[in-house]
Amino acid sequence: MKISVWNFGKIVLRRRFSAFGIKKTFINQILRFKQQLLEIAGLSRSVKGAFAS
């Protein structure tokens, strides 16, 4: 089976971009998770403050 250099280049680029996309979504998920944790921490802190007062 003969694959032209052009097709091979396209395949490699597509793979690289899909890997980049996966990495990007992974980072976004981590950031979102971090944000949620901060919000939860903030809520529990405000609830504790309300009980303390």
Protein backbone atom coordinates (compact mmCIF):
# COMPACT_ATOMS: atom_id res chain seq x y z
CA MET A 1 0.00 0.00 0.00
CA LYS A 2 1.47 3.32 -1.08
CA ILE A 3 0.71 6.40 1.00
CA SER A 4 1.69 9.70 -0.50
CA VAL A 5 3.77 12.08 1.60
CA TRP A 6 0.90 14.60 1.48
CA ASN A 7 -1.60 12.13 2.93
CA PHE A 8 0.91 11.01 5.55
CA GLY A 9 1.47 14.65 6.55
CA LYS A 10 -2.27 15.20 6.86
CA ILE A 11 -2.66 12.11 9.05
CA VAL A 12 0.21 13.17 11.31
CA LEU A 13 -1.19 16.70 11.62
CA ARG A 14 -4.66 15.40 12.40
CA ARG A 15 -3.29 13.11 15.11
CA ARG A 16 -1.23 15.91 16.60
CA PHE A 17 -4.19 18.28 16.63
CA SER A 18 -6.50 15.70 18.20
CA ALA A 19 -3.88 15.07 20.89
CA PHE A 20 -3.62 18.83 21.44
CA GLY A 21 -7.42 19.05 21.69
CA ILE A 22 -7.49 16.27 24.27
CA LYS A 23 -4.79 18.00 26.30
CA LYS A 24 -6.70 21.29 26.09
CA THR A 25 -9.98 19.78 27.29
CA PHE A 26 -8.10 17.95 30.05
CA ILE A 27 -6.58 21.23 31.27
CA ASN A 28 -9.99 22.91 31.06
CA GLN A 29 -11.52 20.11 33.15
CA ILE A 30 -8.81 20.50 35.78
CA LEU A 31 -9.36 24.27 35.91
CA ARG A 32 -13.13 23.80 36.19
CA PHE A 33 -12.65 21.25 38.97
CA LYS A 34 -10.33 23.64 40.81
CA GLN A 35 -12.93 26.42 40.46
CA GLN A 36 -15.65 24.14 41.85
CA LEU A 37 -13.44 23.19 44.80
CA LEU A 38 -12.80 26.88 45.52
CA GLU A 39 -16.53 27.63 45.35
CA ILE A 40 -17.33 24.71 47.68
CA ALA A 41 -14.60 25.87 50.09
CA GLY A 42 -16.00 29.41 49.96
CA LEU A 43 -19.54 28.18 50.60
CA SER A 44 -18.54 26.02 53.56
CA ARG A 45 -16.56 28.95 54.95
CA SER A 46 -19.55 31.30 54.65
CA VAL A 47 -21.83 28.66 56.20
CA LYS A 48 -19.39 28.22 59.12
CA GLY A 49 -19.27 32.00 59.48
CA ALA A 50 -23.07 32.16 59.57
CA PHE A 51 -23.20 29.49 62.28
CA ALA A 52 -20.40 31.13 64.25
CA SER A 53 -22.07 34.55 64.31
